[in-house]
């Protein structure tokens, strides 16, 4: 993971993902690309007969001043972080910009959705939209995260699907640094395309040891089981496949992915 892409928007959640991304770049001796989505003139200056254009023009001016101040603040900080970095600022929707820049990235870092997301289903959060669009693995960072312990425990939520295989491949550089790797499976009706032993064998070819852990559901949901395990094992992050509908831009990620995105116990590395 020599190329890490970080979403910049000045939100309260930004500090957590900044710290996480910087820790990854240091550990990998890589490069951090900061991507700031800025407002376009068209968004702020609609044509109307009631003088709103002047008002919106003033709003645009204030927004641009704030965007520049945020850029200056973070650039000053980056100069003290002892990492390689660059900065890109472009107008447009954040999720699409991030996806467009993911083609030559090896990890995208965004924040977890706000907890009231299920109550605003018409507005897909950036994290969900980016996961479905991105060409690179996406790390979704909770707002209260404090960087990354690269030598900590990593948990892989295994169900043998193509999505989790994709996530596992993308996580290999990070998993090489983990102190321990748990491949967690929850027995369900029906067979998986790839049993957990296949995941463990794949990792072993990269010199990564792992432990297969089977957890009986006992009436609990997969997301509750994963939350409990992540907390109990003090996991540094959780690797899982992202499952969603073909029209995610209008709908949502489905099932377990959606539920664990709302309030992730640890950072989530997702691939679709």
Protein backbone atom coordinates (compact mmCIF):
# COMPACT_ATOMS: atom_id res chain seq x y z
CA UNK A 1 0.00 0.00 0.00
CA UNK A 2 2.37 2.63 -1.26
CA UNK A 3 -0.44 4.91 -2.46
CA UNK A 4 -3.07 5.94 0.11
CA UNK A 5 -5.95 8.26 -0.81
CA UNK A 6 -7.49 10.35 1.98
CA UNK A 7 -10.81 12.21 1.76
CA UNK A 8 -10.57 15.81 2.98
CA UNK A 9 -13.73 17.73 3.88
CA UNK A 10 -13.01 19.51 7.16
CA UNK A 11 -15.65 17.53 9.05
CA UNK A 12 -15.41 16.58 12.71
CA UNK A 13 -14.64 13.00 11.66
CA UNK A 14 -11.65 14.02 9.55
CA UNK A 15 -9.09 13.89 12.36
CA UNK A 16 -9.65 10.17 12.99
CA UNK A 17 -9.20 9.21 9.34
CA UNK A 18 -6.22 11.54 8.99
CA UNK A 19 -4.41 9.84 11.87
CA UNK A 20 -5.26 6.42 10.49
CA UNK A 21 -4.04 7.23 6.97
CA UNK A 22 -0.83 8.77 8.27
CA UNK A 23 -0.09 5.65 10.34
CA UNK A 24 -0.59 3.42 7.29
CA UNK A 25 1.71 5.58 5.16
CA UNK A 26 4.44 5.51 7.80
CA UNK A 27 4.20 1.76 8.24
CA UNK A 28 4.31 1.18 4.48
CA UNK A 29 6.83 3.93 3.74
CA UNK A 30 4.26 5.04 1.21
CA UNK A 31 2.66 8.22 -0.10
CA UNK A 32 -0.48 10.06 1.04
CA UNK A 33 -2.72 11.82 -1.48
CA UNK A 34 -5.14 14.27 0.14
CA UNK A 35 -8.24 14.80 -1.98
CA UNK A 36 -10.39 17.82 -1.19
CA UNK A 37 -13.79 18.19 -2.86
CA UNK A 38 -14.60 21.85 -3.38
CA UNK A 39 -17.85 23.55 -4.39
CA UNK A 40 -18.46 24.49 -8.00
CA UNK A 41 -19.75 27.87 -9.11
CA UNK A 42 -22.84 26.21 -10.59
CA UNK A 43 -23.73 24.74 -7.21
CA UNK A 44 -23.66 28.14 -5.51
CA UNK A 45 -25.00 30.50 -8.19
CA UNK A 46 -28.38 29.46 -9.61
CA UNK A 47 -30.08 31.81 -12.06
CA UNK A 48 -33.19 33.39 -10.58
CA UNK A 49 -35.13 36.67 -10.72
CA UNK A 50 -35.13 37.37 -6.98
CA UNK A 51 -31.55 38.33 -6.27
CA UNK A 52 -30.55 34.96 -4.89
CA UNK A 53 -27.55 34.85 -7.21
CA UNK A 54 -25.86 37.62 -5.24
CA UNK A 55 -26.57 35.79 -1.99
CA UNK A 56 -25.25 32.52 -3.34
CA UNK A 57 -22.24 34.28 -4.78
CA UNK A 58 -21.40 35.54 -1.31
CA UNK A 59 -21.88 32.04 0.08
CA UNK A 60 -19.51 30.68 -2.57
CA UNK A 61 -16.90 33.25 -1.64
CA UNK A 62 -17.11 32.30 2.02
CA UNK A 63 -16.96 28.60 1.15
CA UNK A 64 -13.88 29.08 -1.00
CA UNK A 65 -12.17 31.04 1.80
CA UNK A 66 -12.95 28.22 4.24
CA UNK A 67 -11.64 25.60 1.81
CA UNK A 68 -8.38 27.50 1.39
CA UNK A 69 -8.01 27.90 5.15
CA UNK A 70 -8.53 24.16 5.62
CA UNK A 71 -5.94 23.40 2.95
CA UNK A 72 -3.41 25.78 4.50
CA UNK A 73 -3.99 24.31 7.97
CA UNK A 74 -3.54 20.72 6.89
CA UNK A 75 -0.57 21.43 4.64
CA UNK A 76 1.21 23.06 7.58
CA UNK A 77 0.52 19.96 9.66
CA UNK A 78 1.60 17.57 6.91
CA UNK A 79 4.99 19.25 6.77
CA UNK A 80 5.56 18.07 10.35
CA UNK A 81 4.35 14.49 9.86
CA UNK A 82 7.50 13.14 8.15
CA UNK A 83 5.56 11.42 5.37
CA UNK A 84 5.40 11.80 1.60
CA UNK A 85 2.22 13.59 0.49
CA UNK A 86 0.51 15.68 -2.14
CA UNK A 87 -2.75 17.61 -2.39
CA UNK A 88 -5.54 17.63 -4.96
CA UNK A 89 -8.58 19.92 -4.85
CA UNK A 90 -11.37 19.52 -7.40
CA UNK A 91 -15.01 20.57 -7.72
CA UNK A 92 -17.63 17.89 -7.77
CA UNK A 93 -19.40 15.27 -5.67
CA UNK A 94 -17.03 13.78 -3.12
CA UNK A 95 -17.87 10.10 -3.70
CA UNK A 96 -17.36 10.32 -7.45
CA UNK A 97 -14.09 12.25 -7.06
CA UNK A 98 -12.76 9.68 -4.64
CA UNK A 99 -13.74 6.82 -6.93
CA UNK A 100 -12.11 8.53 -9.91
CA UNK A 101 -8.84 8.93 -8.00
CA UNK A 102 -8.92 5.36 -6.67
CA UNK A 103 -7.67 3.83 -9.93
CA UNK A 104 -4.03 4.36 -8.97
CA UNK A 105 -4.55 4.06 -5.21
CA UNK A 106 -4.05 0.96 -3.09
CA UNK A 107 -6.15 2.11 -0.14
CA UNK A 108 -8.90 4.71 0.18
CA UNK A 109 -9.60 6.16 3.64
CA UNK A 110 -13.03 7.62 4.47
CA UNK A 111 -15.12 8.06 7.60
CA UNK A 112 -17.96 5.90 8.87
CA UNK A 113 -21.48 7.23 8.21
CA UNK A 114 -23.28 9.21 10.87
CA UNK A 115 -25.35 7.04 13.15
CA UNK A 116 -28.65 8.46 11.91
CA UNK A 117 -27.99 7.22 8.38
CA UNK A 118 -30.79 4.57 8.45
CA UNK A 119 -33.23 7.41 9.07
CA UNK A 120 -32.05 9.21 5.93
CA UNK A 121 -32.14 6.36 3.45
CA UNK A 122 -32.57 8.64 0.45
CA UNK A 123 -29.02 10.01 0.94
CA UNK A 124 -26.36 7.30 0.64
CA UNK A 125 -23.37 8.20 2.85
CA UNK A 126 -20.02 8.80 1.21
CA UNK A 127 -18.54 5.60 2.70
CA UNK A 128 -21.21 3.36 1.15
CA UNK A 129 -21.08 5.10 -2.21
CA UNK A 130 -17.27 5.00 -2.35
CA UNK A 131 -17.11 1.29 -1.47
CA UNK A 132 -19.32 0.43 -4.43
CA UNK A 133 -17.48 2.73 -6.87
CA UNK A 134 -13.85 2.40 -5.76
CA UNK A 135 -11.22 0.37 -7.62
CA UNK A 136 -9.20 0.05 -4.40
CA UNK A 137 -9.98 -1.35 -0.95
CA UNK A 138 -11.75 1.20 1.26
CA UNK A 139 -10.93 1.69 4.93
CA UNK A 140 -13.94 3.07 6.82
CA UNK A 141 -12.75 4.75 10.01
CA UNK A 142 -14.98 5.38 13.07
CA UNK A 143 -15.00 8.95 14.37
CA UNK A 144 -13.48 7.88 17.70
CA UNK A 145 -10.59 5.85 16.22
CA UNK A 146 -7.08 6.74 17.39
CA UNK A 147 -4.80 5.85 14.51
CA UNK A 148 -3.77 2.31 13.62
CA UNK A 149 -1.82 -0.30 15.55
CA UNK A 150 -0.36 -2.10 12.53
CA UNK A 151 0.94 -4.88 14.78
CA UNK A 152 -2.42 -5.53 16.38
CA UNK A 153 -5.00 -8.22 15.70
CA UNK A 154 -6.76 -8.27 12.34
CA UNK A 155 -10.09 -10.05 11.88
CA UNK A 156 -11.30 -11.35 8.52
CA UNK A 157 -15.08 -11.90 8.36
CA UNK A 158 -15.17 -14.96 6.10
CA UNK A 159 -18.16 -16.30 4.18
CA UNK A 160 -16.37 -17.64 1.13
CA UNK A 161 -17.86 -15.08 -1.28
CA UNK A 162 -16.13 -13.31 -4.15
CA UNK A 163 -16.38 -10.04 -2.21
CA UNK A 164 -14.50 -11.29 0.84
CA UNK A 165 -11.85 -12.87 -1.41
CA UNK A 166 -11.41 -9.47 -3.03
CA UNK A 167 -11.13 -7.84 0.39
CA UNK A 168 -8.59 -10.41 1.56
CA UNK A 169 -6.37 -9.84 -1.48
CA UNK A 170 -6.48 -6.10 -0.95
CA UNK A 171 -5.63 -6.42 2.74
CA UNK A 172 -2.46 -8.50 2.25
CA UNK A 173 0.02 -5.60 2.74
CA UNK A 174 -1.60 -4.69 6.05
CA UNK A 175 -2.05 -8.29 7.17
CA UNK A 176 1.69 -8.85 6.76
CA UNK A 177 2.22 -6.39 9.62
CA UNK A 178 -0.50 -7.76 11.90
CA UNK A 179 0.48 -9.50 15.12
CA UNK A 180 -2.27 -12.06 14.57
CA UNK A 181 -4.90 -12.74 11.90
CA UNK A 182 -8.23 -14.39 12.70
CA UNK A 183 -10.36 -15.80 9.90
CA UNK A 184 -13.81 -15.82 11.44
CA UNK A 185 -16.64 -17.89 10.05
CA UNK A 186 -20.25 -18.16 11.19
CA UNK A 187 -21.85 -21.47 10.13
CA UNK A 188 -24.88 -20.92 7.94
CA UNK A 189 -27.12 -23.09 5.84
CA UNK A 190 -25.66 -23.76 2.41
CA UNK A 191 -22.02 -24.06 1.42
CA UNK A 192 -19.64 -21.20 0.72
CA UNK A 193 -17.85 -20.89 -2.59
CA UNK A 194 -14.51 -20.96 -0.77
CA UNK A 195 -14.12 -22.53 2.68
CA UNK A 196 -12.03 -20.64 5.27
CA UNK A 197 -9.12 -23.05 4.75
CA UNK A 198 -8.75 -21.59 1.26
CA UNK A 199 -8.36 -18.12 2.75
CA UNK A 200 -5.79 -19.36 5.23
CA UNK A 201 -3.86 -21.16 2.47
CA UNK A 202 -3.87 -17.99 0.36
CA UNK A 203 -2.43 -15.97 3.22
CA UNK A 204 0.21 -18.62 3.95
CA UNK A 205 1.57 -18.19 0.42
CA UNK A 206 2.28 -14.60 1.39
CA UNK A 207 4.00 -15.66 4.60
CA UNK A 208 1.01 -14.71 6.75
CA UNK A 209 -0.10 -17.09 9.47
CA UNK A 210 -3.75 -17.14 10.50
CA UNK A 211 -6.18 -18.84 12.87
CA UNK A 212 -9.61 -20.03 11.76
CA UNK A 213 -12.28 -19.26 14.35
CA UNK A 214 -15.80 -20.67 14.00
CA UNK A 215 -18.50 -18.86 15.97
CA UNK A 216 -21.95 -20.42 16.36
CA UNK A 217 -24.71 -17.91 15.71
CA UNK A 218 -26.97 -19.02 18.59
CA UNK A 219 -29.69 -16.65 17.48
CA UNK A 220 -27.42 -13.61 17.16
CA UNK A 221 -26.96 -11.60 13.98
CA UNK A 222 -23.64 -11.67 12.10
CA UNK A 223 -23.06 -7.97 12.81
CA UNK A 224 -23.55 -8.48 16.56
CA UNK A 225 -21.17 -11.43 16.55
CA UNK A 226 -18.52 -9.47 14.67
CA UNK A 227 -18.89 -6.45 16.94
CA UNK A 228 -18.47 -8.58 20.06
CA UNK A 229 -15.47 -10.44 18.69
CA UNK A 230 -13.74 -7.24 17.54
CA UNK A 231 -14.14 -5.74 21.01
CA UNK A 232 -13.17 -8.93 22.88
CA UNK A 233 -10.03 -9.46 20.81
CA UNK A 234 -9.17 -5.73 20.76
CA UNK A 235 -8.92 -5.90 16.98
CA UNK A 236 -7.08 -3.18 15.10
CA UNK A 237 -9.41 -3.53 12.10
CA UNK A 238 -11.92 -5.82 10.44
CA UNK A 239 -11.71 -7.08 6.85
CA UNK A 240 -14.96 -7.96 5.12
CA UNK A 241 -16.68 -8.05 1.76
CA UNK A 242 -19.22 -5.36 0.95
CA UNK A 243 -22.55 -6.56 -0.32
CA UNK A 244 -25.10 -4.27 -1.92
CA UNK A 245 -27.71 -3.83 -4.59
CA UNK A 246 -26.79 -2.97 -8.14
CA UNK A 247 -28.40 0.45 -7.71
CA UNK A 248 -26.54 1.47 -4.56
CA UNK A 249 -26.40 5.08 -5.66
CA UNK A 250 -30.15 5.22 -5.14
CA UNK A 251 -30.48 2.45 -2.56
CA UNK A 252 -28.17 1.05 0.12
CA UNK A 253 -25.62 -1.51 0.97
CA UNK A 254 -27.46 -4.56 2.14
CA UNK A 255 -27.68 -6.62 5.30
CA UNK A 256 -24.66 -7.06 7.51
CA UNK A 257 -22.57 -4.48 5.65
CA UNK A 258 -25.11 -1.73 6.21
CA UNK A 259 -25.65 -2.54 9.85
CA UNK A 260 -21.97 -2.67 10.78
CA UNK A 261 -21.23 0.52 8.81
CA UNK A 262 -23.61 2.51 11.00
CA UNK A 263 -21.53 2.08 14.14
CA UNK A 264 -18.35 0.10 13.41
CA UNK A 265 -16.51 -1.15 16.50
CA UNK A 266 -13.17 -0.82 14.70
CA UNK A 267 -12.01 0.43 11.29
CA UNK A 268 -13.44 -1.66 8.43
CA UNK A 269 -11.51 -2.65 5.33
CA UNK A 270 -14.16 -3.23 2.66
CA UNK A 271 -14.10 -4.35 -0.97
CA UNK A 272 -16.97 -4.90 -3.34
